[in-house]
Amino acid sequence: METSLDSIHLLVNKLKEEIFSRVKSEHHQSFVSPSAYDTAWVAMIPHPVEHNTPLFKGCLEWLVDNQHEEGFWGESIVGLPTIDAIPTTIACMAVLQKWGLGAKNIEKGIR
């Protein structure tokens, strides 16, 4: 018996095949921009079985590694954060707090 999760997996795989069949394999990542805000929200998703573990650990690592030296995440103009960096930074700090990671990153973001 097919579950709704199985149906979703089938649809996702079909969509990937259709999209990526037109693009060389080395350019797959060009479909996704490195958005700290989007990455933070994806990092919020818990593992379906191990609920105290993030499903996408790589997203958390990306957040820790891609904080600006000044403490914010997101876009900047001449080293200064844009207005969009405020919700982005809050989302990044919230996800790090949720998973108990990046205490220094959170502290830096608050400053």
N, C-alpha and C. Protein backbone atom coordinates (compact mmCIF):
# COMPACT_ATOMS: atom_id res chain seq x y z
N MET A 1 0.84 -1.19 0.00
CA MET A 1 0.00 0.00 0.00
C MET A 1 0.88 1.25 0.00
N GLU A 2 0.63 2.14 -0.90
CA GLU A 2 1.42 3.35 -1.05
C GLU A 2 0.93 4.42 -0.07
N THR A 3 1.87 4.98 0.71
CA THR A 3 1.52 6.04 1.65
C THR A 3 1.66 7.40 0.97
N SER A 4 1.17 8.43 1.64
CA SER A 4 1.30 9.77 1.06
C SER A 4 2.78 10.18 0.99
N LEU A 5 3.59 9.70 1.94
CA LEU A 5 5.03 10.00 1.89
C LEU A 5 5.67 9.35 0.67
N ASP A 6 5.26 8.12 0.35
CA ASP A 6 5.76 7.45 -0.85
C ASP A 6 5.38 8.24 -2.10
N SER A 7 4.16 8.74 -2.12
CA SER A 7 3.69 9.53 -3.26
C SER A 7 4.52 10.80 -3.43
N ILE A 8 4.83 11.43 -2.30
CA ILE A 8 5.64 12.65 -2.35
C ILE A 8 7.03 12.33 -2.88
N HIS A 9 7.64 11.24 -2.39
CA HIS A 9 8.97 10.84 -2.87
C HIS A 9 8.95 10.57 -4.38
N LEU A 10 7.93 9.91 -4.85
CA LEU A 10 7.82 9.63 -6.28
C LEU A 10 7.71 10.92 -7.10
N LEU A 11 6.89 11.84 -6.63
CA LEU A 11 6.73 13.11 -7.33
C LEU A 11 8.02 13.93 -7.33
N VAL A 12 8.72 13.95 -6.19
CA VAL A 12 9.97 14.68 -6.11
C VAL A 12 11.00 14.08 -7.07
N ASN A 13 11.11 12.77 -7.07
CA ASN A 13 12.06 12.11 -7.98
C ASN A 13 11.72 12.37 -9.44
N LYS A 14 10.45 12.35 -9.76
CA LYS A 14 10.02 12.62 -11.14
C LYS A 14 10.36 14.05 -11.53
N LEU A 15 10.13 14.99 -10.63
CA LEU A 15 10.43 16.39 -10.89
C LEU A 15 11.93 16.59 -11.06
N LYS A 16 12.75 15.97 -10.20
CA LYS A 16 14.20 16.07 -10.33
C LYS A 16 14.66 15.54 -11.69
N GLU A 17 14.15 14.39 -12.08
CA GLU A 17 14.53 13.81 -13.36
C GLU A 17 14.20 14.76 -14.50
N GLU A 18 13.02 15.34 -14.45
CA GLU A 18 12.59 16.24 -15.52
C GLU A 18 13.45 17.50 -15.58
N ILE A 19 13.71 18.09 -14.43
CA ILE A 19 14.51 19.31 -14.38
C ILE A 19 15.95 19.04 -14.77
N PHE A 20 16.55 18.03 -14.14
CA PHE A 20 17.97 17.78 -14.31
C PHE A 20 18.31 17.07 -15.61
N SER A 21 17.34 16.54 -16.30
CA SER A 21 17.63 15.88 -17.57
C SER A 21 18.07 16.90 -18.62
N ARG A 22 17.76 18.16 -18.39
CA ARG A 22 18.10 19.22 -19.34
C ARG A 22 19.39 19.95 -18.99
N VAL A 23 19.99 19.61 -17.85
CA VAL A 23 21.15 20.34 -17.36
C VAL A 23 22.29 19.37 -17.09
N LYS A 24 23.50 19.79 -17.41
CA LYS A 24 24.66 18.96 -17.10
C LYS A 24 24.78 18.80 -15.59
N SER A 25 25.23 17.65 -15.14
CA SER A 25 25.26 17.34 -13.71
C SER A 25 26.06 18.34 -12.88
N GLU A 26 27.11 18.92 -13.44
CA GLU A 26 27.93 19.83 -12.65
C GLU A 26 27.24 21.17 -12.38
N HIS A 27 26.08 21.41 -13.02
CA HIS A 27 25.38 22.68 -12.84
C HIS A 27 24.09 22.54 -12.02
N HIS A 28 23.88 21.42 -11.37
CA HIS A 28 22.64 21.23 -10.59
C HIS A 28 22.47 22.27 -9.50
N GLN A 29 23.56 22.65 -8.84
CA GLN A 29 23.45 23.60 -7.74
C GLN A 29 23.09 25.00 -8.21
N SER A 30 23.20 25.27 -9.49
CA SER A 30 22.88 26.60 -9.98
C SER A 30 21.39 26.91 -9.87
N PHE A 31 20.57 25.91 -9.61
CA PHE A 31 19.14 26.12 -9.44
C PHE A 31 18.81 26.73 -8.07
N VAL A 32 19.71 26.60 -7.12
CA VAL A 32 19.44 27.04 -5.76
C VAL A 32 20.45 28.12 -5.38
N SER A 33 19.95 29.27 -5.00
CA SER A 33 20.86 30.32 -4.56
C SER A 33 21.21 30.09 -3.09
N PRO A 34 22.39 30.50 -2.68
CA PRO A 34 22.77 30.32 -1.29
C PRO A 34 22.10 31.37 -0.39
N SER A 35 20.87 31.14 -0.04
CA SER A 35 20.11 32.07 0.78
C SER A 35 20.15 31.61 2.24
N ALA A 36 20.70 32.45 3.11
CA ALA A 36 20.78 32.11 4.52
C ALA A 36 19.38 31.96 5.11
N TYR A 37 18.45 32.79 4.69
CA TYR A 37 17.08 32.72 5.22
C TYR A 37 16.43 31.38 4.86
N ASP A 38 16.49 31.01 3.59
CA ASP A 38 15.91 29.74 3.16
C ASP A 38 16.62 28.56 3.81
N THR A 39 17.93 28.65 3.90
CA THR A 39 18.71 27.57 4.51
C THR A 39 18.32 27.40 5.97
N ALA A 40 18.11 28.50 6.67
CA ALA A 40 17.70 28.43 8.08
C ALA A 40 16.37 27.70 8.24
N TRP A 41 15.42 28.01 7.38
CA TRP A 41 14.12 27.37 7.50
C TRP A 41 14.19 25.89 7.16
N VAL A 42 14.99 25.53 6.19
CA VAL A 42 15.17 24.11 5.86
C VAL A 42 15.85 23.40 7.04
N ALA A 43 16.78 24.07 7.69
CA ALA A 43 17.50 23.48 8.82
C ALA A 43 16.58 23.24 10.02
N MET A 44 15.43 23.88 10.06
CA MET A 44 14.46 23.69 11.15
C MET A 44 13.79 22.32 11.11
N ILE A 45 13.79 21.68 9.96
CA ILE A 45 13.05 20.44 9.78
C ILE A 45 13.69 19.30 10.56
N PRO A 46 12.92 18.68 11.47
CA PRO A 46 13.47 17.57 12.24
C PRO A 46 13.47 16.27 11.43
N HIS A 47 14.34 15.38 11.80
CA HIS A 47 14.39 14.05 11.19
C HIS A 47 13.05 13.37 11.48
N PRO A 48 12.46 12.66 10.52
CA PRO A 48 11.13 12.07 10.74
C PRO A 48 11.11 10.98 11.82
N VAL A 49 12.24 10.35 12.10
CA VAL A 49 12.28 9.29 13.11
C VAL A 49 12.97 9.79 14.38
N GLU A 50 14.11 10.42 14.21
CA GLU A 50 14.88 10.96 15.34
C GLU A 50 14.53 12.44 15.50
N HIS A 51 13.43 12.71 16.18
CA HIS A 51 12.87 14.06 16.24
C HIS A 51 13.79 15.11 16.87
N ASN A 52 14.76 14.69 17.64
CA ASN A 52 15.69 15.64 18.25
C ASN A 52 16.92 15.89 17.40
N THR A 53 16.86 15.46 16.14
CA THR A 53 17.97 15.60 15.20
C THR A 53 17.48 16.31 13.95
N PRO A 54 18.26 17.26 13.42
CA PRO A 54 17.84 17.92 12.18
C PRO A 54 17.95 16.97 11.00
N LEU A 55 17.01 17.07 10.08
CA LEU A 55 17.04 16.25 8.88
C LEU A 55 18.17 16.67 7.95
N PHE A 56 18.43 17.97 7.88
CA PHE A 56 19.45 18.50 6.98
C PHE A 56 20.59 19.12 7.78
N LYS A 57 21.46 18.29 8.33
CA LYS A 57 22.58 18.77 9.15
C LYS A 57 23.52 19.68 8.37
N GLY A 58 23.63 19.42 7.08
CA GLY A 58 24.50 20.25 6.24
C GLY A 58 24.05 21.70 6.22
N CYS A 59 22.75 21.93 6.35
CA CYS A 59 22.24 23.31 6.38
C CYS A 59 22.73 24.03 7.63
N LEU A 60 22.76 23.33 8.76
CA LEU A 60 23.26 23.93 9.99
C LEU A 60 24.74 24.28 9.86
N GLU A 61 25.48 23.37 9.28
CA GLU A 61 26.91 23.62 9.07
C GLU A 61 27.11 24.83 8.17
N TRP A 62 26.29 24.94 7.13
CA TRP A 62 26.39 26.07 6.22
C TRP A 62 26.14 27.38 6.96
N LEU A 63 25.14 27.39 7.84
CA LEU A 63 24.83 28.60 8.60
C LEU A 63 26.01 29.01 9.48
N VAL A 64 26.58 28.05 10.19
CA VAL A 64 27.71 28.34 11.06
C VAL A 64 28.89 28.88 10.25
N ASP A 65 29.11 28.32 9.08
CA ASP A 65 30.26 28.69 8.25
C ASP A 65 30.04 29.96 7.43
N ASN A 66 28.80 30.45 7.32
CA ASN A 66 28.53 31.57 6.41
C ASN A 66 27.97 32.81 7.09
N GLN A 67 28.28 32.97 8.36
CA GLN A 67 27.91 34.20 9.06
C GLN A 67 28.94 35.27 8.70
N HIS A 68 28.48 36.47 8.44
CA HIS A 68 29.40 37.56 8.13
C HIS A 68 30.25 37.88 9.36
N GLU A 69 31.43 38.37 9.13
CA GLU A 69 32.33 38.73 10.23
C GLU A 69 31.67 39.71 11.20
N GLU A 70 30.81 40.57 10.68
CA GLU A 70 30.12 41.57 11.52
C GLU A 70 29.02 40.96 12.38
N GLY A 71 28.66 39.69 12.12
CA GLY A 71 27.69 39.00 12.97
C GLY A 71 26.34 38.73 12.34
N PHE A 72 26.06 39.29 11.20
CA PHE A 72 24.75 39.07 10.58
C PHE A 72 24.86 38.03 9.48
N TRP A 73 23.72 37.54 9.04
CA TRP A 73 23.62 36.66 7.88
C TRP A 73 22.81 37.42 6.83
N GLY A 74 23.02 37.08 5.58
CA GLY A 74 22.24 37.67 4.51
C GLY A 74 23.06 38.65 3.68
N GLU A 75 22.34 39.43 2.91
CA GLU A 75 22.98 40.33 1.96
C GLU A 75 23.56 41.57 2.63
N SER A 76 24.59 42.10 1.98
CA SER A 76 25.19 43.33 2.46
C SER A 76 25.54 44.22 1.27
N ILE A 77 25.67 45.49 1.57
CA ILE A 77 26.11 46.46 0.58
C ILE A 77 27.30 47.18 1.21
N VAL A 78 28.45 47.04 0.59
CA VAL A 78 29.68 47.64 1.07
C VAL A 78 29.93 47.25 2.54
N GLY A 79 29.71 45.98 2.86
CA GLY A 79 29.97 45.48 4.21
C GLY A 79 28.89 45.76 5.23
N LEU A 80 27.86 46.52 4.86
CA LEU A 80 26.77 46.83 5.78
C LEU A 80 25.55 45.97 5.43
N PRO A 81 24.86 45.45 6.46
CA PRO A 81 23.70 44.60 6.18
C PRO A 81 22.55 45.38 5.55
N THR A 82 21.84 44.73 4.65
CA THR A 82 20.62 45.32 4.09
C THR A 82 19.50 45.10 5.09
N ILE A 83 18.36 45.73 4.87
CA ILE A 83 17.21 45.57 5.77
C ILE A 83 16.76 44.10 5.82
N ASP A 84 16.96 43.37 4.72
CA ASP A 84 16.59 41.95 4.68
C ASP A 84 17.46 41.09 5.57
N ALA A 85 18.61 41.60 5.99
CA ALA A 85 19.50 40.84 6.86
C ALA A 85 18.93 40.68 8.27
N ILE A 86 18.01 41.55 8.66
CA ILE A 86 17.44 41.46 10.01
C ILE A 86 16.62 40.17 10.18
N PRO A 87 15.58 39.92 9.36
CA PRO A 87 14.86 38.66 9.53
C PRO A 87 15.71 37.43 9.23
N THR A 88 16.67 37.59 8.33
CA THR A 88 17.56 36.47 8.01
C THR A 88 18.40 36.12 9.23
N THR A 89 18.95 37.11 9.88
CA THR A 89 19.78 36.87 11.07
C THR A 89 18.95 36.27 12.19
N ILE A 90 17.75 36.76 12.38
CA ILE A 90 16.86 36.21 13.42
C ILE A 90 16.54 34.75 13.14
N ALA A 91 16.23 34.43 11.88
CA ALA A 91 15.93 33.03 11.51
C ALA A 91 17.14 32.14 11.75
N CYS A 92 18.32 32.61 11.39
CA CYS A 92 19.54 31.82 11.58
C CYS A 92 19.82 31.57 13.05
N MET A 93 19.66 32.61 13.87
CA MET A 93 19.88 32.44 15.30
C MET A 93 18.84 31.51 15.92
N ALA A 94 17.60 31.61 15.46
CA ALA A 94 16.53 30.76 15.99
C ALA A 94 16.79 29.29 15.71
N VAL A 95 17.25 28.97 14.51
CA VAL A 95 17.49 27.56 14.17
C VAL A 95 18.70 27.03 14.92
N LEU A 96 19.73 27.84 15.08
CA LEU A 96 20.89 27.40 15.84
C LEU A 96 20.49 27.15 17.31
N GLN A 97 19.66 28.02 17.85
CA GLN A 97 19.16 27.85 19.22
C GLN A 97 18.32 26.58 19.32
N LYS A 98 17.46 26.35 18.34
CA LYS A 98 16.60 25.16 18.35
C LYS A 98 17.41 23.87 18.48
N TRP A 99 18.51 23.79 17.75
CA TRP A 99 19.31 22.56 17.75
C TRP A 99 20.47 22.62 18.73
N GLY A 100 20.58 23.70 19.51
CA GLY A 100 21.62 23.79 20.53
C GLY A 100 23.02 23.89 19.97
N LEU A 101 23.15 24.59 18.85
CA LEU A 101 24.45 24.75 18.19
C LEU A 101 24.80 26.22 18.05
N GLY A 102 26.07 26.48 17.81
CA GLY A 102 26.50 27.82 17.43
C GLY A 102 26.28 28.89 18.46
N ALA A 103 26.54 28.60 19.73
CA ALA A 103 26.34 29.62 20.78
C ALA A 103 27.14 30.88 20.48
N LYS A 104 28.36 30.72 19.97
CA LYS A 104 29.18 31.89 19.64
C LYS A 104 28.59 32.64 18.45
N ASN A 105 28.01 31.90 17.48
CA ASN A 105 27.38 32.55 16.33
C ASN A 105 26.16 33.35 16.77
N ILE A 106 25.38 32.78 17.68
CA ILE A 106 24.18 33.47 18.18
C ILE A 106 24.59 34.74 18.91
N GLU A 107 25.58 34.61 19.78
CA GLU A 107 26.08 35.76 20.54
C GLU A 107 26.57 36.87 19.60
N LYS A 108 27.30 36.47 18.58
CA LYS A 108 27.82 37.41 17.58
C LYS A 108 26.67 38.08 16.82
N GLY A 109 25.64 37.29 16.50
CA GLY A 109 24.47 37.82 15.79
C GLY A 109 23.69 38.83 16.62
N ILE A 110 23.62 38.60 17.91
CA ILE A 110 22.90 39.52 18.80
C ILE A 110 23.64 40.86 18.87
N ARG A 111 24.98 40.79 18.88
CA ARG A 111 25.77 42.03 18.94
C ARG A 111 25.57 42.82 17.67
